[in-house]
Amino acid sequence: MRRGRIIGFALLALLTLTAASCDERPFTRDYARSVPNSVIQVGEKRDRTWEYVDRDGESKKLNSCEDVSPWNGAYSCKSPDGAVELSYSSSKRMRNPTLHVGGEQVPLYCTNEGFWGDGLRFCLPAADSAVPPQPVPRRDKS
């Protein structure tokens, strides 16, 4: 009986550590709010409502995202004046997020609040120093 308890506590500790490690994020939502060209999902997850941080560090709302391609779930969210656009495709996760500012395309790296949070996403420019190194795709494969 004592051995069973020890095994049970060990499994509980392992599960707790695993759940805690799933919540680690390379950067926080607050950090994303301080970096120009970042985007932050606001409201409810299903709303697809975002804000972006302009070059002066101010948050600006984007219009609600619209599905511009019913075949592959390509979304576009534009600023009210149309000068800034967030685009991404989505099936089960966000793919190829890009912020279009003027004539510039800013690739983004996104994460979310995690297991214990609300699941809302927030993204930094992929070139930011807080973004973990990404694997380089192999070019020798066809």
N, C-alpha and C. Protein backbone atom coordinates (compact mmCIF):
# COMPACT_ATOMS: atom_id res chain seq x y z
N MET A 1 0.83 -1.20 0.00
CA MET A 1 0.00 0.00 0.00
C MET A 1 0.87 1.26 0.00
N ARG A 2 1.91 1.25 0.79
CA ARG A 2 2.81 2.40 0.84
C ARG A 2 3.49 2.62 -0.51
N ARG A 3 3.87 1.53 -1.17
CA ARG A 3 4.52 1.63 -2.48
C ARG A 3 3.57 2.26 -3.50
N GLY A 4 2.31 1.91 -3.44
CA GLY A 4 1.30 2.48 -4.34
C GLY A 4 1.15 3.98 -4.15
N ARG A 5 1.21 4.43 -2.89
CA ARG A 5 1.13 5.86 -2.61
C ARG A 5 2.33 6.60 -3.17
N ILE A 6 3.49 6.02 -2.99
CA ILE A 6 4.71 6.66 -3.49
C ILE A 6 4.65 6.81 -5.01
N ILE A 7 4.21 5.73 -5.68
CA ILE A 7 4.07 5.78 -7.14
C ILE A 7 3.02 6.83 -7.53
N GLY A 8 1.92 6.88 -6.79
CA GLY A 8 0.87 7.86 -7.07
C GLY A 8 1.36 9.29 -6.93
N PHE A 9 2.11 9.56 -5.85
CA PHE A 9 2.66 10.91 -5.65
C PHE A 9 3.68 11.24 -6.73
N ALA A 10 4.48 10.27 -7.13
CA ALA A 10 5.46 10.50 -8.18
C ALA A 10 4.77 10.84 -9.50
N LEU A 11 3.71 10.12 -9.82
CA LEU A 11 2.96 10.40 -11.05
C LEU A 11 2.30 11.78 -10.99
N LEU A 12 1.76 12.13 -9.83
CA LEU A 12 1.15 13.44 -9.66
C LEU A 12 2.18 14.55 -9.83
N ALA A 13 3.36 14.38 -9.26
CA ALA A 13 4.43 15.37 -9.41
C ALA A 13 4.85 15.50 -10.87
N LEU A 14 4.97 14.37 -11.56
CA LEU A 14 5.36 14.39 -12.97
C LEU A 14 4.31 15.09 -13.81
N LEU A 15 3.05 14.82 -13.56
CA LEU A 15 1.95 15.47 -14.28
C LEU A 15 1.95 16.97 -14.03
N THR A 16 2.17 17.38 -12.79
CA THR A 16 2.20 18.80 -12.46
C THR A 16 3.34 19.50 -13.18
N LEU A 17 4.52 18.90 -13.19
CA LEU A 17 5.65 19.49 -13.89
C LEU A 17 5.41 19.58 -15.39
N THR A 18 4.79 18.56 -15.94
CA THR A 18 4.49 18.55 -17.38
C THR A 18 3.51 19.67 -17.71
N ALA A 19 2.45 19.83 -16.92
CA ALA A 19 1.47 20.89 -17.17
C ALA A 19 2.10 22.26 -17.03
N ALA A 20 2.98 22.42 -16.06
CA ALA A 20 3.64 23.71 -15.86
C ALA A 20 4.55 24.04 -17.05
N SER A 21 5.23 23.05 -17.57
CA SER A 21 6.13 23.31 -18.69
C SER A 21 5.35 23.63 -19.96
N CYS A 22 4.11 23.18 -20.08
CA CYS A 22 3.29 23.49 -21.25
C CYS A 22 2.91 24.97 -21.26
N ASP A 23 2.96 25.63 -20.13
CA ASP A 23 2.56 27.02 -20.02
C ASP A 23 3.71 28.00 -20.21
N GLU A 24 4.91 27.53 -20.44
CA GLU A 24 6.02 28.45 -20.64
C GLU A 24 5.89 29.11 -22.00
N ARG A 25 6.07 30.41 -22.01
CA ARG A 25 5.99 31.18 -23.24
C ARG A 25 7.29 31.94 -23.41
N PRO A 26 7.78 32.10 -24.63
CA PRO A 26 9.04 32.81 -24.83
C PRO A 26 8.92 34.31 -24.53
N PHE A 27 7.71 34.86 -24.54
CA PHE A 27 7.49 36.26 -24.22
C PHE A 27 6.06 36.40 -23.71
N THR A 28 5.79 37.51 -23.05
CA THR A 28 4.47 37.72 -22.44
C THR A 28 3.60 38.62 -23.31
N ARG A 29 2.33 38.64 -22.98
CA ARG A 29 1.38 39.52 -23.65
C ARG A 29 1.78 40.97 -23.42
N ASP A 30 2.22 41.30 -22.21
CA ASP A 30 2.64 42.67 -21.90
C ASP A 30 3.85 43.07 -22.74
N TYR A 31 4.79 42.12 -22.93
CA TYR A 31 5.94 42.42 -23.77
C TYR A 31 5.48 42.70 -25.21
N ALA A 32 4.56 41.90 -25.71
CA ALA A 32 4.05 42.10 -27.08
C ALA A 32 3.40 43.48 -27.21
N ARG A 33 2.74 43.95 -26.17
CA ARG A 33 2.10 45.27 -26.21
C ARG A 33 3.12 46.41 -26.28
N SER A 34 4.38 46.11 -26.00
CA SER A 34 5.40 47.16 -25.99
C SER A 34 6.27 47.17 -27.25
N VAL A 35 6.05 46.23 -28.17
CA VAL A 35 6.91 46.10 -29.34
C VAL A 35 6.16 46.54 -30.60
N PRO A 36 6.70 47.53 -31.34
CA PRO A 36 6.04 47.94 -32.59
C PRO A 36 5.87 46.76 -33.56
N ASN A 37 4.78 46.79 -34.30
CA ASN A 37 4.39 45.76 -35.28
C ASN A 37 4.00 44.43 -34.64
N SER A 38 3.70 44.44 -33.36
CA SER A 38 3.14 43.25 -32.71
C SER A 38 1.63 43.27 -32.90
N VAL A 39 1.00 42.11 -32.78
CA VAL A 39 -0.46 42.03 -32.80
C VAL A 39 -0.93 41.24 -31.60
N ILE A 40 -2.08 41.63 -31.05
CA ILE A 40 -2.62 41.02 -29.85
C ILE A 40 -4.09 40.73 -30.09
N GLN A 41 -4.48 39.47 -29.86
CA GLN A 41 -5.90 39.10 -30.00
C GLN A 41 -6.63 39.59 -28.76
N VAL A 42 -7.77 40.20 -28.95
CA VAL A 42 -8.56 40.74 -27.84
C VAL A 42 -9.98 40.19 -27.93
N GLY A 43 -10.74 40.35 -26.87
CA GLY A 43 -12.12 39.86 -26.85
C GLY A 43 -12.16 38.36 -26.64
N GLU A 44 -13.09 37.71 -27.28
CA GLU A 44 -13.23 36.26 -27.20
C GLU A 44 -12.47 35.62 -28.35
N LYS A 45 -11.99 34.40 -28.13
CA LYS A 45 -11.19 33.72 -29.15
C LYS A 45 -11.95 33.58 -30.47
N ARG A 46 -13.21 33.26 -30.40
CA ARG A 46 -13.99 33.03 -31.62
C ARG A 46 -14.29 34.33 -32.37
N ASP A 47 -14.09 35.49 -31.70
CA ASP A 47 -14.38 36.77 -32.35
C ASP A 47 -13.39 37.15 -33.43
N ARG A 48 -12.16 36.64 -33.33
CA ARG A 48 -11.09 36.99 -34.28
C ARG A 48 -10.90 38.50 -34.35
N THR A 49 -10.83 39.13 -33.17
CA THR A 49 -10.62 40.56 -33.07
C THR A 49 -9.20 40.81 -32.58
N TRP A 50 -8.48 41.70 -33.25
CA TRP A 50 -7.07 41.95 -32.97
C TRP A 50 -6.78 43.44 -32.84
N GLU A 51 -5.66 43.73 -32.17
CA GLU A 51 -5.08 45.06 -32.13
C GLU A 51 -3.65 44.94 -32.62
N TYR A 52 -3.09 46.02 -33.14
CA TYR A 52 -1.67 46.03 -33.49
C TYR A 52 -1.01 47.19 -32.77
N VAL A 53 0.29 47.10 -32.61
CA VAL A 53 1.07 48.16 -31.97
C VAL A 53 1.77 48.92 -33.08
N ASP A 54 1.47 50.23 -33.16
CA ASP A 54 2.09 51.03 -34.21
C ASP A 54 3.53 51.39 -33.84
N ARG A 55 4.22 52.11 -34.72
CA ARG A 55 5.64 52.40 -34.49
C ARG A 55 5.88 53.33 -33.31
N ASP A 56 4.82 54.02 -32.84
CA ASP A 56 4.93 54.88 -31.67
C ASP A 56 4.61 54.13 -30.37
N GLY A 57 4.31 52.84 -30.48
CA GLY A 57 4.02 52.02 -29.30
C GLY A 57 2.58 52.09 -28.82
N GLU A 58 1.70 52.62 -29.65
CA GLU A 58 0.28 52.71 -29.28
C GLU A 58 -0.51 51.56 -29.90
N SER A 59 -1.44 51.01 -29.12
CA SER A 59 -2.32 49.94 -29.63
C SER A 59 -3.43 50.55 -30.46
N LYS A 60 -3.65 49.97 -31.62
CA LYS A 60 -4.71 50.40 -32.53
C LYS A 60 -5.56 49.20 -32.89
N LYS A 61 -6.85 49.41 -32.94
CA LYS A 61 -7.76 48.31 -33.27
C LYS A 61 -7.72 47.99 -34.76
N LEU A 62 -7.88 46.70 -35.04
CA LEU A 62 -8.11 46.24 -36.40
C LEU A 62 -9.57 45.85 -36.50
N ASN A 63 -10.14 45.99 -37.68
CA ASN A 63 -11.51 45.52 -37.88
C ASN A 63 -11.55 44.01 -37.69
N SER A 64 -12.72 43.47 -37.44
CA SER A 64 -12.86 42.02 -37.28
C SER A 64 -12.34 41.30 -38.52
N CYS A 65 -11.71 40.17 -38.30
CA CYS A 65 -11.14 39.41 -39.41
C CYS A 65 -12.23 38.78 -40.25
N GLU A 66 -11.98 38.76 -41.54
CA GLU A 66 -12.91 38.14 -42.47
C GLU A 66 -12.21 36.99 -43.17
N ASP A 67 -12.94 35.93 -43.40
CA ASP A 67 -12.41 34.79 -44.14
C ASP A 67 -12.49 35.14 -45.62
N VAL A 68 -11.33 35.38 -46.24
CA VAL A 68 -11.31 35.80 -47.63
C VAL A 68 -11.19 34.63 -48.60
N SER A 69 -11.03 33.41 -48.08
CA SER A 69 -10.94 32.23 -48.93
C SER A 69 -11.60 31.06 -48.23
N PRO A 70 -12.80 30.69 -48.62
CA PRO A 70 -13.50 29.62 -47.92
C PRO A 70 -12.84 28.25 -48.05
N TRP A 71 -11.89 28.09 -48.97
CA TRP A 71 -11.27 26.78 -49.15
C TRP A 71 -10.17 26.50 -48.15
N ASN A 72 -9.38 27.52 -47.80
CA ASN A 72 -8.28 27.25 -46.89
C ASN A 72 -8.29 28.11 -45.63
N GLY A 73 -9.35 28.82 -45.35
CA GLY A 73 -9.46 29.61 -44.13
C GLY A 73 -8.42 30.71 -44.07
N ALA A 74 -8.32 31.52 -45.10
CA ALA A 74 -7.38 32.64 -45.11
C ALA A 74 -8.09 33.87 -44.56
N TYR A 75 -7.54 34.44 -43.49
CA TYR A 75 -8.18 35.56 -42.82
C TYR A 75 -7.43 36.85 -43.07
N SER A 76 -8.18 37.94 -43.09
CA SER A 76 -7.63 39.27 -43.26
C SER A 76 -8.33 40.21 -42.28
N CYS A 77 -7.53 40.97 -41.53
CA CYS A 77 -8.05 41.95 -40.59
C CYS A 77 -7.36 43.27 -40.91
N LYS A 78 -8.12 44.29 -41.26
CA LYS A 78 -7.53 45.56 -41.67
C LYS A 78 -7.85 46.66 -40.66
N SER A 79 -6.96 47.65 -40.64
CA SER A 79 -7.22 48.83 -39.83
C SER A 79 -8.37 49.60 -40.48
N PRO A 80 -9.07 50.45 -39.73
CA PRO A 80 -10.18 51.19 -40.32
C PRO A 80 -9.78 52.01 -41.55
N ASP A 81 -8.55 52.51 -41.61
CA ASP A 81 -8.12 53.28 -42.78
C ASP A 81 -7.51 52.41 -43.87
N GLY A 82 -7.36 51.11 -43.63
CA GLY A 82 -6.85 50.17 -44.62
C GLY A 82 -5.34 50.17 -44.78
N ALA A 83 -4.62 50.96 -43.95
CA ALA A 83 -3.16 51.07 -44.09
C ALA A 83 -2.42 49.89 -43.48
N VAL A 84 -3.05 49.17 -42.56
CA VAL A 84 -2.41 48.03 -41.89
C VAL A 84 -3.32 46.83 -42.03
N GLU A 85 -2.72 45.68 -42.32
CA GLU A 85 -3.49 44.44 -42.47
C GLU A 85 -2.76 43.28 -41.79
N LEU A 86 -3.49 42.50 -41.04
CA LEU A 86 -3.00 41.23 -40.50
C LEU A 86 -3.60 40.14 -41.37
N SER A 87 -2.74 39.25 -41.86
CA SER A 87 -3.26 38.12 -42.65
C SER A 87 -2.67 36.84 -42.08
N TYR A 88 -3.47 35.78 -42.12
CA TYR A 88 -3.03 34.46 -41.68
C TYR A 88 -4.01 33.43 -42.21
N SER A 89 -3.55 32.19 -42.26
CA SER A 89 -4.46 31.11 -42.61
C SER A 89 -4.65 30.27 -41.36
N SER A 90 -5.76 29.59 -41.29
CA SER A 90 -6.07 28.85 -40.08
C SER A 90 -6.85 27.60 -40.41
N SER A 91 -6.37 26.49 -39.92
CA SER A 91 -7.15 25.27 -39.93
C SER A 91 -7.36 24.93 -38.46
N LYS A 92 -6.38 24.32 -37.83
CA LYS A 92 -6.45 24.10 -36.39
C LYS A 92 -5.54 25.05 -35.64
N ARG A 93 -4.59 25.64 -36.35
CA ARG A 93 -3.69 26.61 -35.72
C ARG A 93 -3.40 27.73 -36.71
N MET A 94 -2.86 28.79 -36.20
CA MET A 94 -2.55 29.96 -37.01
C MET A 94 -1.31 29.69 -37.85
N ARG A 95 -1.41 29.91 -39.16
CA ARG A 95 -0.28 29.68 -40.06
C ARG A 95 0.05 30.95 -40.84
N ASN A 96 1.35 31.15 -41.06
CA ASN A 96 1.85 32.27 -41.87
C ASN A 96 1.29 33.63 -41.45
N PRO A 97 1.30 33.97 -40.17
CA PRO A 97 0.82 35.29 -39.78
C PRO A 97 1.77 36.37 -40.27
N THR A 98 1.20 37.39 -40.89
CA THR A 98 2.00 38.49 -41.44
C THR A 98 1.26 39.79 -41.22
N LEU A 99 2.00 40.80 -40.78
CA LEU A 99 1.45 42.14 -40.65
C LEU A 99 1.94 42.95 -41.84
N HIS A 100 1.02 43.53 -42.59
CA HIS A 100 1.34 44.35 -43.75
C HIS A 100 1.19 45.81 -43.32
N VAL A 101 2.30 46.53 -43.28
CA VAL A 101 2.30 47.93 -42.86
C VAL A 101 2.87 48.74 -44.01
N GLY A 102 2.02 49.54 -44.64
CA GLY A 102 2.47 50.26 -45.83
C GLY A 102 2.85 49.24 -46.88
N GLY A 103 4.05 49.33 -47.42
CA GLY A 103 4.52 48.36 -48.40
C GLY A 103 5.36 47.25 -47.80
N GLU A 104 5.49 47.23 -46.47
CA GLU A 104 6.35 46.25 -45.80
C GLU A 104 5.54 45.05 -45.29
N GLN A 105 6.13 43.87 -45.41
CA GLN A 105 5.52 42.65 -44.86
C GLN A 105 6.36 42.22 -43.66
N VAL A 106 5.72 42.10 -42.49
CA VAL A 106 6.41 41.73 -41.26
C VAL A 106 5.94 40.33 -40.85
N PRO A 107 6.77 39.29 -41.06
CA PRO A 107 6.40 37.95 -40.59
C PRO A 107 6.31 37.96 -39.05
N LEU A 108 5.35 37.22 -38.52
CA LEU A 108 5.12 37.21 -37.08
C LEU A 108 5.33 35.82 -36.49
N TYR A 109 5.69 35.81 -35.22
CA TYR A 109 5.77 34.57 -34.43
C TYR A 109 4.71 34.71 -33.34
N CYS A 110 3.80 33.76 -33.28
CA CYS A 110 2.67 33.87 -32.36
C CYS A 110 2.71 32.78 -31.29
N THR A 111 2.14 33.11 -30.16
CA THR A 111 1.95 32.16 -29.07
C THR A 111 0.60 32.52 -28.44
N ASN A 112 0.23 31.79 -27.39
CA ASN A 112 -1.04 32.11 -26.73
C ASN A 112 -0.86 32.05 -25.22
N GLU A 113 -1.95 32.34 -24.50
CA GLU A 113 -1.89 32.36 -23.04
C GLU A 113 -1.69 30.98 -22.44
N GLY A 114 -1.82 29.93 -23.26
CA GLY A 114 -1.51 28.59 -22.78
C GLY A 114 -2.64 27.87 -22.08
N PHE A 115 -2.27 26.77 -21.48
CA PHE A 115 -3.21 25.85 -20.84
C PHE A 115 -4.03 26.52 -19.75
N TRP A 116 -3.38 27.36 -18.94
CA TRP A 116 -4.07 27.96 -17.80
C TRP A 116 -4.71 29.29 -18.16
N GLY A 117 -4.42 29.85 -19.31
CA GLY A 117 -4.92 31.16 -19.69
C GLY A 117 -6.17 31.09 -20.53
N ASP A 118 -6.47 32.18 -21.20
CA ASP A 118 -7.69 32.28 -22.00
C ASP A 118 -7.50 31.79 -23.44
N GLY A 119 -6.29 31.44 -23.83
CA GLY A 119 -6.05 30.92 -25.17
C GLY A 119 -5.94 31.97 -26.25
N LEU A 120 -6.02 33.26 -25.88
CA LEU A 120 -5.90 34.32 -26.88
C LEU A 120 -4.45 34.42 -27.34
N ARG A 121 -4.28 34.67 -28.63
CA ARG A 121 -2.94 34.72 -29.21
C ARG A 121 -2.35 36.13 -29.13
N PHE A 122 -1.04 36.19 -29.18
CA PHE A 122 -0.33 37.44 -29.33
C PHE A 122 0.95 37.14 -30.09
N CYS A 123 1.38 38.09 -30.90
CA CYS A 123 2.47 37.84 -31.86
C CYS A 123 3.49 38.97 -31.84
N LEU A 124 4.73 38.59 -32.06
CA LEU A 124 5.83 39.53 -32.21
C LEU A 124 6.39 39.42 -33.62
N PRO A 125 7.04 40.47 -34.11
CA PRO A 125 7.77 40.31 -35.37
C PRO A 125 8.78 39.18 -35.21
N ALA A 126 8.87 38.31 -36.19
CA ALA A 126 9.75 37.13 -36.09
C ALA A 126 11.20 37.52 -35.88
N ALA A 127 11.59 38.73 -36.24
CA ALA A 127 12.97 39.18 -36.08
C ALA A 127 13.29 39.68 -34.67
N ASP A 128 12.29 39.77 -33.79
CA ASP A 128 12.52 40.28 -32.44
C ASP A 128 13.40 39.32 -31.65
N SER A 129 14.22 39.87 -30.77
CA SER A 129 15.16 39.04 -30.01
C SER A 129 14.48 38.11 -29.01
N ALA A 130 13.23 38.36 -28.63
CA ALA A 130 12.53 37.48 -27.69
C ALA A 130 11.97 36.23 -28.36
N VAL A 131 11.96 36.20 -29.67
CA VAL A 131 11.43 35.05 -30.41
C VAL A 131 12.48 33.95 -30.41
N PRO A 132 12.09 32.74 -30.01
CA PRO A 132 13.07 31.65 -30.01
C PRO A 132 13.53 31.32 -31.43
N PRO A 133 14.75 30.83 -31.57
CA PRO A 133 15.23 30.47 -32.91
C PRO A 133 14.31 29.45 -33.56
N GLN A 134 14.04 29.66 -34.83
CA GLN A 134 13.16 28.76 -35.57
C GLN A 134 14.00 27.82 -36.42
N PRO A 135 13.56 26.58 -36.60
CA PRO A 135 14.31 25.67 -37.46
C PRO A 135 14.33 26.19 -38.90
N VAL A 136 15.44 26.01 -39.52
CA VAL A 136 15.58 26.42 -40.92
C VAL A 136 15.11 25.27 -41.79
N PRO A 137 14.16 25.52 -42.71
CA PRO A 137 13.67 24.43 -43.56
C PRO A 137 14.79 23.91 -44.45
N ARG A 138 14.82 22.61 -44.63
CA ARG A 138 15.82 21.99 -45.50
C ARG A 138 15.45 22.27 -46.95
N ARG A 139 16.44 22.63 -47.73
CA ARG A 139 16.20 22.94 -49.13
C ARG A 139 16.55 21.77 -50.04
N ASP A 140 17.16 20.72 -49.49
CA ASP A 140 17.57 19.60 -50.33
C ASP A 140 16.44 18.61 -50.56
N LYS A 141 15.31 18.80 -49.88
CA LYS A 141 14.15 17.92 -50.09
C LYS A 141 13.25 18.51 -51.14
N SER A 142 12.67 17.67 -51.96
CA SER A 142 11.77 18.14 -53.00
C SER A 142 10.35 17.98 -52.58
